[in-house]
Amino acid sequence: MKIDVLVNGAAGNFLAPPELLSPNGFKTVIDIDLNGTFNMCRGAFAYLKESKGLIINISANLHYVGTLFQSHVSAAKAGVDALTLNLAAEWGKDGIRVNGIAPGPIGDTEGMKRLAPGEAGEKLMKQIPLGRFGKTEDIGMAALFLCTEAASYITGETMVVDGGHWFAKPPMVPREVVEKMMAASRS
């Protein structure tokens, strides 16, 4: 058997305030997202060492800021990012590159249907600087780039593919109010 690229994309996600999240619910997400990623990487190590291969771990952008009702997923994906960085440091000597992709909201996916249906999704889209949800193709193209010679010197990085979502905070005051305040201060 030969493995050139391993993509770890398992994810468990549901909305839950931490005080209502069961220990089993928390553990289950850690097991799926973090432990599953580690187990796949470890299981493929010998094959990837032989092929000088690449690992791409799918993470998320949730843990870059505090995200309500997502403490379990944020903890798991922060662990995936740390694992990505550490495996890149450990396995670089074996010719294995390890990188991550942190998608933001991707439209027309089961996750978006469950986590931001209807009006919540419309409100979320307005918070994305590029003004749209991502497409599955956006994530696929990021993965494809990481597989090319153009990315041969990239390891230990988690590429955020979210249209600017994680770093753009919604305004505290609507723009119209700010414009009125500015106009009033000029008078």
N, C-alpha and C. Protein backbone atom coordinates (compact mmCIF):
# COMPACT_ATOMS: atom_id res chain seq x y z
N MET A 1 0.84 -1.17 0.00
CA MET A 1 0.00 0.00 0.00
C MET A 1 0.89 1.24 0.00
N LYS A 2 0.41 2.30 -0.67
CA LYS A 2 1.12 3.57 -0.71
C LYS A 2 0.15 4.68 -0.34
N ILE A 3 0.61 5.58 0.52
CA ILE A 3 -0.19 6.77 0.87
C ILE A 3 0.68 7.99 0.61
N ASP A 4 0.21 8.87 -0.25
CA ASP A 4 0.90 10.13 -0.51
C ASP A 4 0.31 11.27 0.31
N VAL A 5 -1.01 11.26 0.46
CA VAL A 5 -1.70 12.34 1.17
C VAL A 5 -2.75 11.73 2.09
N LEU A 6 -2.77 12.20 3.32
CA LEU A 6 -3.80 11.82 4.28
C LEU A 6 -4.57 13.09 4.63
N VAL A 7 -5.88 13.07 4.44
CA VAL A 7 -6.73 14.19 4.84
C VAL A 7 -7.62 13.71 5.98
N ASN A 8 -7.49 14.36 7.12
CA ASN A 8 -8.31 14.04 8.29
C ASN A 8 -9.42 15.07 8.39
N GLY A 9 -10.64 14.64 8.10
CA GLY A 9 -11.74 15.59 8.08
C GLY A 9 -12.89 15.26 9.00
N ALA A 10 -12.68 14.36 9.95
CA ALA A 10 -13.77 13.99 10.84
C ALA A 10 -14.16 15.17 11.72
N ALA A 11 -15.45 15.29 11.97
CA ALA A 11 -15.92 16.38 12.83
C ALA A 11 -17.21 15.97 13.52
N GLY A 12 -17.27 16.29 14.79
CA GLY A 12 -18.49 16.14 15.55
C GLY A 12 -18.87 17.52 16.05
N ASN A 13 -20.10 17.95 15.79
CA ASN A 13 -20.47 19.29 16.21
C ASN A 13 -21.96 19.37 16.47
N PHE A 14 -22.29 20.07 17.53
CA PHE A 14 -23.66 20.40 17.88
C PHE A 14 -23.58 21.60 18.81
N LEU A 15 -24.65 22.33 18.91
CA LEU A 15 -24.67 23.50 19.79
C LEU A 15 -25.01 23.07 21.21
N ALA A 16 -24.26 23.58 22.19
CA ALA A 16 -24.54 23.25 23.59
C ALA A 16 -23.87 24.26 24.51
N PRO A 17 -24.64 24.91 25.39
CA PRO A 17 -24.00 25.73 26.42
C PRO A 17 -23.16 24.81 27.31
N PRO A 18 -21.97 25.25 27.71
CA PRO A 18 -21.09 24.35 28.46
C PRO A 18 -21.70 23.80 29.74
N GLU A 19 -22.54 24.59 30.41
CA GLU A 19 -23.14 24.10 31.66
C GLU A 19 -24.18 23.02 31.42
N LEU A 20 -24.64 22.88 30.18
CA LEU A 20 -25.60 21.83 29.84
C LEU A 20 -24.98 20.69 29.05
N LEU A 21 -23.72 20.84 28.69
CA LEU A 21 -23.01 19.82 27.91
C LEU A 21 -22.60 18.67 28.83
N SER A 22 -22.98 17.48 28.47
CA SER A 22 -22.61 16.33 29.31
C SER A 22 -21.13 16.01 29.14
N PRO A 23 -20.51 15.44 30.17
CA PRO A 23 -19.12 15.01 30.01
C PRO A 23 -18.96 14.05 28.83
N ASN A 24 -19.95 13.21 28.61
CA ASN A 24 -19.87 12.27 27.48
C ASN A 24 -19.95 13.00 26.14
N GLY A 25 -20.78 14.04 26.06
CA GLY A 25 -20.85 14.83 24.82
C GLY A 25 -19.53 15.50 24.52
N PHE A 26 -18.89 16.07 25.56
CA PHE A 26 -17.59 16.71 25.39
C PHE A 26 -16.56 15.68 24.94
N LYS A 27 -16.52 14.55 25.63
CA LYS A 27 -15.54 13.49 25.32
C LYS A 27 -15.75 12.95 23.90
N THR A 28 -16.99 12.80 23.50
CA THR A 28 -17.27 12.27 22.17
C THR A 28 -16.69 13.16 21.07
N VAL A 29 -16.84 14.47 21.21
CA VAL A 29 -16.30 15.38 20.20
C VAL A 29 -14.77 15.34 20.22
N ILE A 30 -14.16 15.29 21.40
CA ILE A 30 -12.70 15.17 21.50
C ILE A 30 -12.25 13.87 20.83
N ASP A 31 -12.98 12.78 21.08
CA ASP A 31 -12.62 11.49 20.48
C ASP A 31 -12.71 11.52 18.95
N ILE A 32 -13.77 12.10 18.43
CA ILE A 32 -13.93 12.15 16.97
C ILE A 32 -12.90 13.07 16.34
N ASP A 33 -12.84 14.31 16.81
CA ASP A 33 -12.03 15.34 16.15
C ASP A 33 -10.54 15.18 16.43
N LEU A 34 -10.17 15.14 17.69
CA LEU A 34 -8.75 15.15 18.06
C LEU A 34 -8.15 13.75 18.08
N ASN A 35 -8.75 12.85 18.84
CA ASN A 35 -8.18 11.50 18.92
C ASN A 35 -8.26 10.78 17.58
N GLY A 36 -9.33 10.99 16.83
CA GLY A 36 -9.43 10.39 15.50
C GLY A 36 -8.34 10.88 14.57
N THR A 37 -8.06 12.19 14.63
CA THR A 37 -6.99 12.76 13.81
C THR A 37 -5.65 12.16 14.19
N PHE A 38 -5.37 12.09 15.49
CA PHE A 38 -4.11 11.50 15.93
C PHE A 38 -3.99 10.05 15.49
N ASN A 39 -5.04 9.28 15.69
CA ASN A 39 -4.98 7.85 15.35
C ASN A 39 -4.74 7.63 13.86
N MET A 40 -5.36 8.44 13.02
CA MET A 40 -5.13 8.32 11.57
C MET A 40 -3.70 8.70 11.21
N CYS A 41 -3.20 9.79 11.80
CA CYS A 41 -1.81 10.21 11.52
C CYS A 41 -0.84 9.12 11.94
N ARG A 42 -1.02 8.61 13.13
CA ARG A 42 -0.12 7.57 13.65
C ARG A 42 -0.20 6.31 12.78
N GLY A 43 -1.41 5.94 12.39
CA GLY A 43 -1.59 4.75 11.57
C GLY A 43 -0.97 4.86 10.18
N ALA A 44 -0.91 6.08 9.65
CA ALA A 44 -0.37 6.29 8.30
C ALA A 44 1.11 6.65 8.30
N PHE A 45 1.70 6.83 9.47
CA PHE A 45 3.07 7.34 9.57
C PHE A 45 4.06 6.58 8.69
N ALA A 46 4.12 5.27 8.80
CA ALA A 46 5.13 4.49 8.05
C ALA A 46 4.96 4.68 6.54
N TYR A 47 3.71 4.70 6.08
CA TYR A 47 3.45 4.88 4.65
C TYR A 47 3.85 6.28 4.18
N LEU A 48 3.52 7.28 4.99
CA LEU A 48 3.86 8.66 4.64
C LEU A 48 5.36 8.90 4.71
N LYS A 49 6.03 8.23 5.63
CA LYS A 49 7.49 8.34 5.71
C LYS A 49 8.12 7.78 4.43
N GLU A 50 7.59 6.67 3.97
CA GLU A 50 8.12 6.05 2.75
C GLU A 50 7.89 6.92 1.52
N SER A 51 6.72 7.55 1.44
CA SER A 51 6.38 8.36 0.25
C SER A 51 6.78 9.82 0.39
N LYS A 52 7.30 10.21 1.58
CA LYS A 52 7.57 11.64 1.86
C LYS A 52 6.28 12.43 1.65
N GLY A 53 5.24 11.94 2.30
CA GLY A 53 3.89 12.43 2.05
C GLY A 53 3.47 13.66 2.84
N LEU A 54 2.19 13.91 2.77
CA LEU A 54 1.57 15.10 3.32
C LEU A 54 0.34 14.72 4.13
N ILE A 55 0.19 15.37 5.27
CA ILE A 55 -1.02 15.26 6.07
C ILE A 55 -1.72 16.61 6.04
N ILE A 56 -3.03 16.59 5.80
CA ILE A 56 -3.85 17.79 5.90
C ILE A 56 -4.92 17.51 6.95
N ASN A 57 -4.87 18.26 8.05
CA ASN A 57 -5.85 18.12 9.12
C ASN A 57 -6.88 19.24 8.99
N ILE A 58 -8.15 18.86 8.90
CA ILE A 58 -9.21 19.86 8.82
C ILE A 58 -9.56 20.30 10.23
N SER A 59 -9.44 21.58 10.46
CA SER A 59 -9.69 22.17 11.77
C SER A 59 -10.95 23.02 11.69
N ALA A 60 -10.92 24.19 12.28
CA ALA A 60 -12.04 25.15 12.24
C ALA A 60 -11.50 26.50 12.68
N ASN A 61 -12.32 27.52 12.55
CA ASN A 61 -11.90 28.83 13.02
C ASN A 61 -12.56 29.21 14.34
N LEU A 62 -13.30 28.30 14.94
CA LEU A 62 -14.09 28.59 16.14
C LEU A 62 -13.25 28.97 17.35
N HIS A 63 -12.09 28.39 17.49
CA HIS A 63 -11.30 28.58 18.71
C HIS A 63 -10.37 29.78 18.66
N TYR A 64 -10.38 30.54 17.59
CA TYR A 64 -9.55 31.75 17.51
C TYR A 64 -10.14 32.88 18.34
N VAL A 65 -11.43 32.82 18.58
CA VAL A 65 -12.13 33.74 19.47
C VAL A 65 -13.09 32.89 20.30
N GLY A 66 -13.63 33.43 21.35
CA GLY A 66 -14.63 32.68 22.12
C GLY A 66 -15.89 32.53 21.28
N THR A 67 -16.37 31.32 21.11
CA THR A 67 -17.56 31.07 20.30
C THR A 67 -18.62 30.42 21.18
N LEU A 68 -19.74 31.10 21.32
CA LEU A 68 -20.81 30.61 22.18
C LEU A 68 -21.30 29.23 21.74
N PHE A 69 -21.58 28.41 22.72
CA PHE A 69 -22.15 27.06 22.53
C PHE A 69 -21.22 26.10 21.80
N GLN A 70 -19.93 26.42 21.72
CA GLN A 70 -18.99 25.60 20.96
C GLN A 70 -17.72 25.27 21.77
N SER A 71 -17.81 25.23 23.09
CA SER A 71 -16.61 24.97 23.90
C SER A 71 -16.01 23.60 23.59
N HIS A 72 -16.82 22.61 23.37
CA HIS A 72 -16.35 21.25 23.08
C HIS A 72 -15.63 21.19 21.73
N VAL A 73 -16.22 21.80 20.71
CA VAL A 73 -15.61 21.79 19.38
C VAL A 73 -14.36 22.66 19.35
N SER A 74 -14.44 23.81 20.02
CA SER A 74 -13.27 24.70 20.07
C SER A 74 -12.09 24.02 20.73
N ALA A 75 -12.33 23.30 21.82
CA ALA A 75 -11.24 22.58 22.49
C ALA A 75 -10.67 21.50 21.58
N ALA A 76 -11.53 20.77 20.90
CA ALA A 76 -11.06 19.70 20.01
C ALA A 76 -10.25 20.25 18.85
N LYS A 77 -10.74 21.30 18.21
CA LYS A 77 -10.05 21.85 17.04
C LYS A 77 -8.78 22.59 17.43
N ALA A 78 -8.74 23.20 18.60
CA ALA A 78 -7.48 23.78 19.09
C ALA A 78 -6.45 22.67 19.26
N GLY A 79 -6.91 21.52 19.73
CA GLY A 79 -6.02 20.37 19.84
C GLY A 79 -5.54 19.88 18.49
N VAL A 80 -6.41 19.89 17.48
CA VAL A 80 -6.01 19.50 16.13
C VAL A 80 -4.94 20.46 15.60
N ASP A 81 -5.11 21.75 15.84
CA ASP A 81 -4.10 22.72 15.40
C ASP A 81 -2.76 22.49 16.10
N ALA A 82 -2.81 22.21 17.41
CA ALA A 82 -1.57 21.93 18.15
C ALA A 82 -0.92 20.64 17.65
N LEU A 83 -1.72 19.63 17.39
CA LEU A 83 -1.21 18.37 16.85
C LEU A 83 -0.55 18.60 15.49
N THR A 84 -1.18 19.39 14.65
CA THR A 84 -0.62 19.72 13.33
C THR A 84 0.77 20.32 13.48
N LEU A 85 0.89 21.30 14.34
CA LEU A 85 2.16 21.98 14.56
C LEU A 85 3.22 21.03 15.11
N ASN A 86 2.85 20.23 16.08
CA ASN A 86 3.82 19.33 16.70
C ASN A 86 4.24 18.19 15.79
N LEU A 87 3.30 17.62 15.04
CA LEU A 87 3.68 16.56 14.11
C LEU A 87 4.56 17.10 13.00
N ALA A 88 4.31 18.34 12.56
CA ALA A 88 5.19 18.96 11.55
C ALA A 88 6.60 19.07 12.09
N ALA A 89 6.74 19.46 13.35
CA ALA A 89 8.06 19.59 13.96
C ALA A 89 8.73 18.22 14.13
N GLU A 90 7.96 17.23 14.53
CA GLU A 90 8.50 15.89 14.79
C GLU A 90 8.82 15.12 13.51
N TRP A 91 7.94 15.21 12.53
CA TRP A 91 8.04 14.34 11.36
C TRP A 91 8.65 15.00 10.14
N GLY A 92 9.01 16.27 10.25
CA GLY A 92 9.68 16.94 9.14
C GLY A 92 10.96 16.23 8.75
N LYS A 93 11.69 15.72 9.74
CA LYS A 93 12.94 15.00 9.48
C LYS A 93 12.71 13.75 8.64
N ASP A 94 11.47 13.26 8.65
CA ASP A 94 11.12 12.07 7.87
C ASP A 94 10.55 12.43 6.50
N GLY A 95 10.57 13.73 6.19
CA GLY A 95 10.06 14.17 4.89
C GLY A 95 8.55 14.32 4.83
N ILE A 96 7.91 14.27 5.99
CA ILE A 96 6.45 14.40 6.03
C ILE A 96 6.08 15.84 6.36
N ARG A 97 5.27 16.44 5.50
CA ARG A 97 4.73 17.76 5.80
C ARG A 97 3.36 17.59 6.44
N VAL A 98 3.06 18.44 7.42
CA VAL A 98 1.78 18.38 8.11
C VAL A 98 1.21 19.80 8.16
N ASN A 99 0.05 19.97 7.57
CA ASN A 99 -0.61 21.27 7.55
C ASN A 99 -2.08 21.10 7.88
N GLY A 100 -2.73 22.21 8.12
CA GLY A 100 -4.15 22.20 8.42
C GLY A 100 -4.90 23.19 7.56
N ILE A 101 -6.19 22.99 7.50
CA ILE A 101 -7.10 23.94 6.87
C ILE A 101 -8.20 24.21 7.89
N ALA A 102 -8.46 25.49 8.15
CA ALA A 102 -9.51 25.89 9.08
C ALA A 102 -10.63 26.57 8.30
N PRO A 103 -11.64 25.81 7.92
CA PRO A 103 -12.76 26.41 7.18
C PRO A 103 -13.62 27.28 8.09
N GLY A 104 -14.20 28.29 7.48
CA GLY A 104 -15.25 29.05 8.15
C GLY A 104 -16.59 28.49 7.72
N PRO A 105 -17.64 29.29 7.78
CA PRO A 105 -18.96 28.82 7.37
C PRO A 105 -19.00 28.42 5.89
N ILE A 106 -19.38 27.19 5.64
CA ILE A 106 -19.47 26.67 4.28
C ILE A 106 -20.94 26.43 3.98
N GLY A 107 -21.47 27.16 3.00
CA GLY A 107 -22.89 27.06 2.67
C GLY A 107 -23.26 25.70 2.12
N ASP A 108 -24.55 25.41 2.17
CA ASP A 108 -25.10 24.16 1.62
C ASP A 108 -24.46 22.91 2.19
N THR A 109 -24.07 22.97 3.46
CA THR A 109 -23.56 21.78 4.13
C THR A 109 -24.51 21.42 5.27
N GLU A 110 -24.43 20.20 5.70
CA GLU A 110 -25.26 19.74 6.81
C GLU A 110 -25.00 20.58 8.06
N GLY A 111 -23.73 20.92 8.28
CA GLY A 111 -23.39 21.73 9.45
C GLY A 111 -24.09 23.08 9.45
N MET A 112 -24.10 23.75 8.33
CA MET A 112 -24.77 25.06 8.25
C MET A 112 -26.28 24.91 8.42
N LYS A 113 -26.84 23.85 7.89
CA LYS A 113 -28.28 23.64 8.04
C LYS A 113 -28.65 23.45 9.51
N ARG A 114 -27.79 22.76 10.26
CA ARG A 114 -28.08 22.50 11.67
C ARG A 114 -27.67 23.64 12.58
N LEU A 115 -26.53 24.28 12.29
CA LEU A 115 -25.95 25.24 13.22
C LEU A 115 -26.37 26.69 12.96
N ALA A 116 -26.77 27.02 11.75
CA ALA A 116 -27.17 28.39 11.44
C ALA A 116 -28.29 28.39 10.39
N PRO A 117 -29.45 27.85 10.76
CA PRO A 117 -30.54 27.78 9.78
C PRO A 117 -31.22 29.14 9.58
N GLY A 118 -31.76 29.32 8.39
CA GLY A 118 -32.61 30.47 8.10
C GLY A 118 -32.02 31.82 8.41
N GLU A 119 -32.72 32.57 9.26
CA GLU A 119 -32.34 33.94 9.61
C GLU A 119 -30.97 34.00 10.29
N ALA A 120 -30.65 33.00 11.08
CA ALA A 120 -29.33 32.97 11.74
C ALA A 120 -28.22 32.89 10.69
N GLY A 121 -28.43 32.12 9.65
CA GLY A 121 -27.45 32.02 8.56
C GLY A 121 -27.31 33.33 7.80
N GLU A 122 -28.44 34.00 7.57
CA GLU A 122 -28.39 35.30 6.87
C GLU A 122 -27.61 36.32 7.70
N LYS A 123 -27.84 36.33 9.00
CA LYS A 123 -27.12 37.25 9.90
C LYS A 123 -25.62 36.92 9.89
N LEU A 124 -25.31 35.63 9.93
CA LEU A 124 -23.91 35.20 9.91
C LEU A 124 -23.21 35.64 8.63
N MET A 125 -23.89 35.50 7.50
CA MET A 125 -23.27 35.87 6.22
C MET A 125 -22.90 37.35 6.19
N LYS A 126 -23.70 38.19 6.83
CA LYS A 126 -23.43 39.63 6.86
C LYS A 126 -22.17 39.95 7.67
N GLN A 127 -21.71 39.03 8.48
CA GLN A 127 -20.50 39.25 9.29
C GLN A 127 -19.23 38.83 8.55
N ILE A 128 -19.36 38.26 7.38
CA ILE A 128 -18.20 37.79 6.61
C ILE A 128 -17.76 38.90 5.66
N PRO A 129 -16.53 39.40 5.80
CA PRO A 129 -16.08 40.49 4.94
C PRO A 129 -16.25 40.25 3.44
N LEU A 130 -16.07 39.03 2.98
CA LEU A 130 -16.23 38.76 1.54
C LEU A 130 -17.69 38.61 1.13
N GLY A 131 -18.61 38.67 2.11
CA GLY A 131 -20.03 38.75 1.81
C GLY A 131 -20.69 37.48 1.33
N ARG A 132 -20.08 36.34 1.56
CA ARG A 132 -20.69 35.08 1.13
C ARG A 132 -20.18 33.95 2.01
N PHE A 133 -20.92 32.86 2.01
CA PHE A 133 -20.43 31.65 2.65
C PHE A 133 -19.41 31.00 1.72
N GLY A 134 -18.53 30.23 2.31
CA GLY A 134 -17.59 29.47 1.52
C GLY A 134 -18.30 28.34 0.78
N LYS A 135 -17.59 27.80 -0.19
CA LYS A 135 -18.08 26.65 -0.95
C LYS A 135 -17.15 25.48 -0.64
N THR A 136 -17.65 24.29 -0.78
CA THR A 136 -16.79 23.13 -0.56
C THR A 136 -15.58 23.18 -1.49
N GLU A 137 -15.77 23.77 -2.68
CA GLU A 137 -14.66 23.90 -3.62
C GLU A 137 -13.54 24.79 -3.07
N ASP A 138 -13.89 25.78 -2.26
CA ASP A 138 -12.87 26.64 -1.65
C ASP A 138 -11.93 25.82 -0.77
N ILE A 139 -12.50 24.90 -0.03
CA ILE A 139 -11.69 24.05 0.84
C ILE A 139 -10.89 23.06 0.00
N GLY A 140 -11.53 22.50 -1.02
CA GLY A 140 -10.84 21.58 -1.92
C GLY A 140 -9.66 22.22 -2.62
N MET A 141 -9.82 23.46 -3.05
CA MET A 141 -8.72 24.15 -3.73
C MET A 141 -7.58 24.46 -2.76
N ALA A 142 -7.91 24.77 -1.52
CA ALA A 142 -6.85 24.98 -0.52
C ALA A 142 -6.07 23.69 -0.30
N ALA A 143 -6.80 22.57 -0.21
CA ALA A 143 -6.13 21.27 -0.05
C ALA A 143 -5.28 20.95 -1.28
N LEU A 144 -5.82 21.22 -2.44
CA LEU A 144 -5.07 20.97 -3.68
C LEU A 144 -3.78 21.77 -3.69
N PHE A 145 -3.85 23.05 -3.32
CA PHE A 145 -2.65 23.88 -3.25
C PHE A 145 -1.61 23.25 -2.33
N LEU A 146 -2.04 22.79 -1.16
CA LEU A 146 -1.09 22.20 -0.21
C LEU A 146 -0.43 20.94 -0.76
N CYS A 147 -1.07 20.30 -1.73
CA CYS A 147 -0.51 19.09 -2.36
C CYS A 147 0.46 19.39 -3.50
N THR A 148 0.57 20.64 -3.90
CA THR A 148 1.40 20.98 -5.06
C THR A 148 2.82 21.34 -4.66
N GLU A 149 3.66 21.40 -5.67
CA GLU A 149 5.05 21.82 -5.48
C GLU A 149 5.13 23.24 -4.95
N ALA A 150 4.15 24.07 -5.26
CA ALA A 150 4.13 25.45 -4.78
C ALA A 150 4.09 25.52 -3.25
N ALA A 151 3.63 24.45 -2.60
CA ALA A 151 3.55 24.42 -1.14
C ALA A 151 4.59 23.49 -0.52
N SER A 152 5.60 23.10 -1.29
CA SER A 152 6.56 22.10 -0.81
C SER A 152 7.41 22.55 0.38
N TYR A 153 7.44 23.85 0.65
CA TYR A 153 8.22 24.35 1.78
C TYR A 153 7.32 24.85 2.91
N ILE A 154 6.07 24.46 2.86
CA ILE A 154 5.10 24.85 3.88
C ILE A 154 4.80 23.64 4.76
N THR A 155 5.02 23.80 6.05
CA THR A 155 4.65 22.76 7.01
C THR A 155 4.36 23.42 8.35
N GLY A 156 3.47 22.79 9.10
CA GLY A 156 3.12 23.30 10.42
C GLY A 156 2.14 24.46 10.39
N GLU A 157 1.58 24.74 9.25
CA GLU A 157 0.67 25.88 9.11
C GLU A 157 -0.78 25.40 9.05
N THR A 158 -1.65 26.20 9.62
CA THR A 158 -3.08 25.99 9.44
C THR A 158 -3.62 27.17 8.64
N MET A 159 -4.06 26.87 7.44
CA MET A 159 -4.55 27.89 6.51
C MET A 159 -6.03 28.16 6.81
N VAL A 160 -6.34 29.39 7.15
CA VAL A 160 -7.72 29.77 7.41
C VAL A 160 -8.39 30.11 6.09
N VAL A 161 -9.50 29.44 5.82
CA VAL A 161 -10.25 29.65 4.57
C VAL A 161 -11.68 29.98 4.99
N ASP A 162 -11.90 31.27 5.29
CA ASP A 162 -13.19 31.65 5.87
C ASP A 162 -13.71 33.01 5.41
N GLY A 163 -13.15 33.56 4.35
CA GLY A 163 -13.64 34.84 3.85
C GLY A 163 -13.42 36.00 4.81
N GLY A 164 -12.54 35.81 5.79
CA GLY A 164 -12.28 36.84 6.79
C GLY A 164 -13.19 36.76 8.00
N HIS A 165 -13.97 35.71 8.10
CA HIS A 165 -14.97 35.59 9.17
C HIS A 165 -14.39 35.66 10.57
N TRP A 166 -13.30 34.96 10.84
CA TRP A 166 -12.84 34.86 12.23
C TRP A 166 -12.34 36.18 12.79
N PHE A 167 -11.77 37.04 11.96
CA PHE A 167 -11.18 38.26 12.50
C PHE A 167 -12.09 39.48 12.40
N ALA A 168 -13.20 39.37 11.73
CA ALA A 168 -14.10 40.52 11.57
C ALA A 168 -15.24 40.43 12.57
N LYS A 169 -15.27 41.35 13.50
CA LYS A 169 -16.33 41.36 14.50
C LYS A 169 -17.50 42.19 13.99
N PRO A 170 -18.72 41.79 14.34
CA PRO A 170 -19.86 42.61 13.93
C PRO A 170 -19.77 43.97 14.64
N PRO A 171 -20.28 45.02 14.01
CA PRO A 171 -20.19 46.34 14.63
C PRO A 171 -21.01 46.41 15.92
N MET A 172 -20.49 47.18 16.88
CA MET A 172 -21.23 47.38 18.13
C MET A 172 -22.44 48.27 17.88
N VAL A 173 -22.31 49.16 16.90
CA VAL A 173 -23.36 50.11 16.55
C VAL A 173 -23.58 50.02 15.04
N PRO A 174 -24.83 50.02 14.59
CA PRO A 174 -25.07 49.97 13.14
C PRO A 174 -24.40 51.13 12.41
N ARG A 175 -23.99 50.90 11.19
CA ARG A 175 -23.29 51.90 10.38
C ARG A 175 -24.09 53.20 10.26
N GLU A 176 -25.40 53.07 10.08
CA GLU A 176 -26.23 54.26 9.93
C GLU A 176 -26.12 55.16 11.15
N VAL A 177 -26.08 54.57 12.33
CA VAL A 177 -25.96 55.35 13.57
C VAL A 177 -24.60 56.04 13.63
N VAL A 178 -23.55 55.33 13.23
CA VAL A 178 -22.20 55.91 13.23
C VAL A 178 -22.15 57.11 12.27
N GLU A 179 -22.73 56.95 11.08
CA GLU A 179 -22.74 58.04 10.11
C GLU A 179 -23.49 59.26 10.63
N LYS A 180 -24.62 59.03 11.32
CA LYS A 180 -25.38 60.14 11.91
C LYS A 180 -24.56 60.83 13.00
N MET A 181 -23.86 60.04 13.82
CA MET A 181 -23.02 60.61 14.88
C MET A 181 -21.91 61.46 14.27
N MET A 182 -21.30 60.96 13.20
CA MET A 182 -20.22 61.71 12.55
C MET A 182 -20.75 63.01 11.93
N ALA A 183 -21.91 62.93 11.30
CA ALA A 183 -22.51 64.13 10.70
C ALA A 183 -22.85 65.16 11.77
N ALA A 184 -23.37 64.70 12.89
CA ALA A 184 -23.73 65.60 13.99
C ALA A 184 -22.49 66.26 14.58
N SER A 185 -21.38 65.53 14.64
CA SER A 185 -20.15 66.10 15.22
C SER A 185 -19.53 67.15 14.31
N ARG A 186 -19.83 67.09 13.02
CA ARG A 186 -19.30 68.08 12.07
C ARG A 186 -20.11 69.37 12.09
N SER A 187 -21.34 69.31 12.58
CA SER A 187 -22.19 70.50 12.54
C SER A 187 -21.85 71.47 13.65
